[in-house]
Amino acid sequence: METIMTLVIDESEEISEELLTLLLSSVKKQNQSISHIAQELGERVITNSATKLKPYLKEAVQSTGILLDEYAPIVASIFQDDTCTLKDDYSNRSGEHLVCFFSLSITA
């Protein structure tokens, strides 16, 4: 299922709003109507297709009116421009974690 969903996204010219809504719903924290397996699948698909989804996700998240913190960390990490690396047990096929290191600059 993960492979099929990833291929559909990666091969699509555009990503539909309905697909984005379903993916975001599956990775929303505290969503009691989604099984743990469905949430993991959503995280893996988003991780695998992050480059393709990035241009569409910001608008999709904003249109839901739900704070970015309400979603799994993978959603927030896609919006960052810093380097991401894979570490131990995050949701991708190898069971590794996508870890992003962010630099924060504050100007006065």
N, C-alpha and C. Protein backbone atom coordinates (compact mmCIF):
# COMPACT_ATOMS: atom_id res chain seq x y z
N MET A 1 0.83 -1.20 0.00
CA MET A 1 0.00 0.00 0.00
C MET A 1 0.87 1.26 0.00
N GLU A 2 1.90 1.25 0.83
CA GLU A 2 2.81 2.39 0.91
C GLU A 2 3.46 2.67 -0.45
N THR A 3 3.93 1.62 -1.09
CA THR A 3 4.59 1.77 -2.38
C THR A 3 3.64 2.31 -3.43
N ILE A 4 2.44 1.79 -3.46
CA ILE A 4 1.44 2.24 -4.44
C ILE A 4 1.11 3.71 -4.22
N MET A 5 0.85 4.08 -2.97
CA MET A 5 0.50 5.47 -2.68
C MET A 5 1.65 6.41 -3.03
N THR A 6 2.87 6.00 -2.70
CA THR A 6 4.04 6.82 -3.01
C THR A 6 4.20 6.99 -4.52
N LEU A 7 4.03 5.90 -5.25
CA LEU A 7 4.14 5.98 -6.71
C LEU A 7 3.06 6.87 -7.32
N VAL A 8 1.85 6.77 -6.82
CA VAL A 8 0.76 7.61 -7.34
C VAL A 8 1.09 9.08 -7.13
N ILE A 9 1.58 9.41 -5.95
CA ILE A 9 1.93 10.81 -5.66
C ILE A 9 3.10 11.26 -6.53
N ASP A 10 4.15 10.45 -6.56
CA ASP A 10 5.35 10.83 -7.31
C ASP A 10 5.12 10.94 -8.81
N GLU A 11 4.18 10.18 -9.34
CA GLU A 11 3.91 10.20 -10.78
C GLU A 11 2.81 11.20 -11.17
N SER A 12 2.17 11.81 -10.20
CA SER A 12 1.08 12.75 -10.48
C SER A 12 1.63 14.10 -10.93
N GLU A 13 0.92 14.72 -11.87
CA GLU A 13 1.26 16.08 -12.30
C GLU A 13 0.96 17.06 -11.17
N GLU A 14 -0.21 16.92 -10.57
CA GLU A 14 -0.63 17.76 -9.45
C GLU A 14 -1.20 16.86 -8.37
N ILE A 15 -1.16 17.34 -7.14
CA ILE A 15 -1.68 16.59 -6.01
C ILE A 15 -3.04 17.17 -5.66
N SER A 16 -4.05 16.32 -5.62
CA SER A 16 -5.41 16.80 -5.35
C SER A 16 -5.57 17.21 -3.89
N GLU A 17 -6.46 18.15 -3.69
CA GLU A 17 -6.77 18.62 -2.34
C GLU A 17 -7.34 17.48 -1.49
N GLU A 18 -8.12 16.61 -2.12
CA GLU A 18 -8.72 15.49 -1.38
C GLU A 18 -7.64 14.54 -0.85
N LEU A 19 -6.64 14.26 -1.67
CA LEU A 19 -5.55 13.39 -1.23
C LEU A 19 -4.78 14.04 -0.10
N LEU A 20 -4.49 15.32 -0.22
CA LEU A 20 -3.79 16.03 0.85
C LEU A 20 -4.58 16.03 2.14
N THR A 21 -5.88 16.23 2.03
CA THR A 21 -6.75 16.23 3.21
C THR A 21 -6.71 14.87 3.90
N LEU A 22 -6.77 13.80 3.12
CA LEU A 22 -6.71 12.45 3.70
C LEU A 22 -5.36 12.18 4.36
N LEU A 23 -4.28 12.57 3.69
CA LEU A 23 -2.96 12.37 4.28
C LEU A 23 -2.80 13.15 5.58
N LEU A 24 -3.21 14.40 5.56
CA LEU A 24 -3.10 15.23 6.76
C LEU A 24 -3.98 14.69 7.89
N SER A 25 -5.15 14.23 7.55
CA SER A 25 -6.04 13.65 8.56
C SER A 25 -5.42 12.42 9.21
N SER A 26 -4.70 11.64 8.40
CA SER A 26 -4.10 10.42 8.94
C SER A 26 -2.94 10.69 9.88
N VAL A 27 -2.31 11.87 9.79
CA VAL A 27 -1.17 12.17 10.65
C VAL A 27 -1.49 13.24 11.69
N LYS A 28 -2.76 13.53 11.86
CA LYS A 28 -3.16 14.50 12.87
C LYS A 28 -3.08 13.85 14.24
N LYS A 29 -2.40 14.53 15.15
CA LYS A 29 -2.28 14.02 16.52
C LYS A 29 -3.67 13.99 17.15
N GLN A 30 -3.86 13.11 18.08
CA GLN A 30 -5.11 12.99 18.83
C GLN A 30 -6.31 12.67 17.96
N ASN A 31 -6.10 12.10 16.80
CA ASN A 31 -7.21 11.71 15.93
C ASN A 31 -7.64 10.30 16.30
N GLN A 32 -8.72 10.19 17.05
CA GLN A 32 -9.19 8.91 17.57
C GLN A 32 -9.80 8.02 16.49
N SER A 33 -10.19 8.60 15.37
CA SER A 33 -10.86 7.81 14.33
C SER A 33 -9.88 7.14 13.37
N ILE A 34 -8.59 7.39 13.54
CA ILE A 34 -7.56 6.81 12.67
C ILE A 34 -6.77 5.78 13.46
N SER A 35 -6.61 4.60 12.89
CA SER A 35 -5.83 3.56 13.57
C SER A 35 -4.34 3.91 13.55
N HIS A 36 -3.61 3.31 14.46
CA HIS A 36 -2.17 3.55 14.54
C HIS A 36 -1.48 3.13 13.24
N ILE A 37 -1.94 2.05 12.64
CA ILE A 37 -1.35 1.57 11.39
C ILE A 37 -1.59 2.58 10.27
N ALA A 38 -2.80 3.16 10.20
CA ALA A 38 -3.09 4.16 9.18
C ALA A 38 -2.24 5.41 9.39
N GLN A 39 -2.01 5.77 10.65
CA GLN A 39 -1.17 6.93 10.93
C GLN A 39 0.27 6.67 10.49
N GLU A 40 0.79 5.49 10.77
CA GLU A 40 2.14 5.15 10.33
C GLU A 40 2.25 5.14 8.81
N LEU A 41 1.22 4.62 8.15
CA LEU A 41 1.21 4.61 6.69
C LEU A 41 1.24 6.04 6.15
N GLY A 42 0.42 6.90 6.71
CA GLY A 42 0.41 8.31 6.30
C GLY A 42 1.76 8.97 6.49
N GLU A 43 2.41 8.70 7.62
CA GLU A 43 3.73 9.28 7.88
C GLU A 43 4.76 8.77 6.88
N ARG A 44 4.72 7.49 6.57
CA ARG A 44 5.68 6.92 5.61
C ARG A 44 5.47 7.48 4.21
N VAL A 45 4.21 7.60 3.81
CA VAL A 45 3.92 8.14 2.47
C VAL A 45 4.36 9.60 2.39
N ILE A 46 4.08 10.37 3.41
CA ILE A 46 4.51 11.77 3.43
C ILE A 46 6.03 11.86 3.41
N THR A 47 6.70 11.02 4.17
CA THR A 47 8.17 11.00 4.20
C THR A 47 8.72 10.65 2.83
N ASN A 48 8.18 9.61 2.23
CA ASN A 48 8.67 9.16 0.92
C ASN A 48 8.44 10.19 -0.18
N SER A 49 7.37 10.95 -0.08
CA SER A 49 6.99 11.89 -1.14
C SER A 49 7.14 13.35 -0.71
N ALA A 50 7.96 13.60 0.28
CA ALA A 50 8.09 14.94 0.85
C ALA A 50 8.41 16.01 -0.19
N THR A 51 9.32 15.71 -1.09
CA THR A 51 9.71 16.70 -2.11
C THR A 51 8.53 17.06 -3.00
N LYS A 52 7.78 16.08 -3.40
CA LYS A 52 6.63 16.32 -4.28
C LYS A 52 5.49 17.02 -3.53
N LEU A 53 5.30 16.68 -2.25
CA LEU A 53 4.18 17.23 -1.47
C LEU A 53 4.44 18.64 -0.94
N LYS A 54 5.69 19.00 -0.75
CA LYS A 54 6.02 20.27 -0.10
C LYS A 54 5.29 21.48 -0.68
N PRO A 55 5.24 21.66 -2.00
CA PRO A 55 4.55 22.85 -2.53
C PRO A 55 3.05 22.88 -2.21
N TYR A 56 2.46 21.73 -1.98
CA TYR A 56 1.01 21.65 -1.76
C TYR A 56 0.62 21.64 -0.28
N LEU A 57 1.52 21.17 0.57
CA LEU A 57 1.17 20.97 1.98
C LEU A 57 0.90 22.26 2.73
N LYS A 58 1.68 23.29 2.48
CA LYS A 58 1.50 24.54 3.23
C LYS A 58 0.08 25.08 3.06
N GLU A 59 -0.37 25.14 1.83
CA GLU A 59 -1.73 25.63 1.57
C GLU A 59 -2.77 24.70 2.18
N ALA A 60 -2.53 23.40 2.09
CA ALA A 60 -3.48 22.43 2.64
C ALA A 60 -3.58 22.55 4.16
N VAL A 61 -2.45 22.72 4.83
CA VAL A 61 -2.46 22.87 6.29
C VAL A 61 -3.17 24.16 6.66
N GLN A 62 -2.86 25.24 5.95
CA GLN A 62 -3.50 26.52 6.25
C GLN A 62 -5.00 26.46 6.03
N SER A 63 -5.45 25.75 5.02
CA SER A 63 -6.88 25.68 4.73
C SER A 63 -7.66 24.90 5.77
N THR A 64 -6.98 24.02 6.51
CA THR A 64 -7.68 23.26 7.56
C THR A 64 -7.93 24.11 8.79
N GLY A 65 -7.12 25.16 8.98
CA GLY A 65 -7.26 25.99 10.17
C GLY A 65 -6.70 25.32 11.41
N ILE A 66 -5.98 24.23 11.24
CA ILE A 66 -5.40 23.48 12.36
C ILE A 66 -3.93 23.85 12.46
N LEU A 67 -3.46 24.08 13.68
CA LEU A 67 -2.07 24.44 13.89
C LEU A 67 -1.13 23.33 13.43
N LEU A 68 0.02 23.71 12.94
CA LEU A 68 1.01 22.76 12.47
C LEU A 68 1.43 21.78 13.57
N ASP A 69 1.42 22.26 14.81
CA ASP A 69 1.79 21.41 15.95
C ASP A 69 0.81 20.27 16.18
N GLU A 70 -0.36 20.35 15.59
CA GLU A 70 -1.37 19.31 15.76
C GLU A 70 -1.12 18.09 14.88
N TYR A 71 -0.13 18.18 14.00
CA TYR A 71 0.20 17.09 13.09
C TYR A 71 1.48 16.40 13.53
N ALA A 72 1.72 15.22 12.99
CA ALA A 72 2.96 14.50 13.26
C ALA A 72 4.15 15.37 12.86
N PRO A 73 5.29 15.19 13.52
CA PRO A 73 6.47 16.04 13.24
C PRO A 73 6.92 16.04 11.78
N ILE A 74 6.64 15.00 11.04
CA ILE A 74 7.07 14.95 9.65
C ILE A 74 6.47 16.10 8.84
N VAL A 75 5.27 16.52 9.17
CA VAL A 75 4.61 17.60 8.43
C VAL A 75 5.39 18.90 8.63
N ALA A 76 5.75 19.21 9.87
CA ALA A 76 6.51 20.44 10.15
C ALA A 76 7.89 20.37 9.52
N SER A 77 8.49 19.20 9.52
CA SER A 77 9.85 19.08 8.99
C SER A 77 9.91 19.36 7.50
N ILE A 78 8.83 19.12 6.79
CA ILE A 78 8.80 19.37 5.35
C ILE A 78 8.91 20.87 5.05
N PHE A 79 8.43 21.71 5.96
CA PHE A 79 8.46 23.14 5.73
C PHE A 79 9.82 23.76 6.00
N GLN A 80 10.72 23.01 6.59
CA GLN A 80 12.03 23.53 6.94
C GLN A 80 12.96 23.45 5.74
N ASP A 81 13.83 24.40 5.62
CA ASP A 81 14.78 24.43 4.52
C ASP A 81 16.13 23.81 4.89
N ASP A 82 16.29 23.45 6.15
CA ASP A 82 17.56 22.91 6.60
C ASP A 82 17.69 21.43 6.23
N THR A 83 18.85 20.89 6.45
CA THR A 83 19.15 19.52 6.09
C THR A 83 18.41 18.54 6.99
N CYS A 84 17.87 17.49 6.37
CA CYS A 84 17.21 16.42 7.09
C CYS A 84 18.03 15.16 6.87
N THR A 85 18.16 14.38 7.93
CA THR A 85 18.86 13.11 7.83
C THR A 85 18.01 12.00 8.41
N LEU A 86 18.32 10.79 8.02
CA LEU A 86 17.58 9.64 8.53
C LEU A 86 18.27 9.08 9.76
N LYS A 87 17.51 8.84 10.81
CA LYS A 87 18.01 8.24 12.05
C LYS A 87 17.10 7.08 12.40
N ASP A 88 17.48 6.30 13.36
CA ASP A 88 16.80 5.09 13.81
C ASP A 88 15.33 4.99 13.52
N ASP A 89 14.41 4.85 14.16
CA ASP A 89 13.09 4.29 13.93
C ASP A 89 11.98 5.23 13.46
N TYR A 90 12.17 6.03 12.44
CA TYR A 90 11.04 6.82 11.93
C TYR A 90 10.40 6.12 10.78
N SER A 91 9.33 6.66 10.29
CA SER A 91 8.53 5.92 9.33
C SER A 91 9.01 6.06 7.90
N ASN A 92 9.88 5.20 7.55
CA ASN A 92 10.15 4.97 6.14
C ASN A 92 10.38 3.48 5.99
N ARG A 93 10.62 3.04 4.81
CA ARG A 93 10.70 1.60 4.59
C ARG A 93 11.77 0.92 5.42
N SER A 94 12.84 1.61 5.75
CA SER A 94 13.92 0.98 6.49
C SER A 94 13.72 1.11 7.99
N GLY A 95 12.66 1.75 8.44
CA GLY A 95 12.41 1.92 9.86
C GLY A 95 13.30 2.98 10.48
N GLU A 96 13.76 3.93 9.69
CA GLU A 96 14.61 4.99 10.20
C GLU A 96 13.79 6.25 10.45
N HIS A 97 14.33 7.15 11.27
CA HIS A 97 13.67 8.42 11.57
C HIS A 97 14.21 9.53 10.68
N LEU A 98 13.33 10.38 10.23
CA LEU A 98 13.75 11.59 9.53
C LEU A 98 13.97 12.64 10.59
N VAL A 99 15.20 13.09 10.75
CA VAL A 99 15.52 14.06 11.78
C VAL A 99 16.03 15.31 11.08
N CYS A 100 15.43 16.43 11.40
CA CYS A 100 15.85 17.69 10.80
C CYS A 100 16.52 18.56 11.84
N PHE A 101 17.58 19.18 11.43
CA PHE A 101 18.29 20.09 12.30
C PHE A 101 18.02 21.50 11.80
N PHE A 102 17.49 22.32 12.67
CA PHE A 102 17.07 23.65 12.27
C PHE A 102 17.94 24.69 12.94
N SER A 103 18.27 25.73 12.19
CA SER A 103 18.96 26.85 12.80
C SER A 103 17.94 27.96 12.96
N LEU A 104 18.00 28.60 14.05
CA LEU A 104 17.04 29.64 14.38
C LEU A 104 17.79 30.95 14.48
N SER A 105 17.42 31.92 13.69
CA SER A 105 18.08 33.21 13.82
C SER A 105 17.05 34.25 14.21
N ILE A 106 17.37 34.96 15.24
CA ILE A 106 16.47 35.99 15.77
C ILE A 106 17.13 37.33 15.56
N THR A 107 16.41 38.21 14.91
CA THR A 107 16.95 39.54 14.68
C THR A 107 16.13 40.54 15.47
N ALA A 108 16.80 41.54 15.97
CA ALA A 108 16.10 42.55 16.77
C ALA A 108 15.88 43.80 15.97
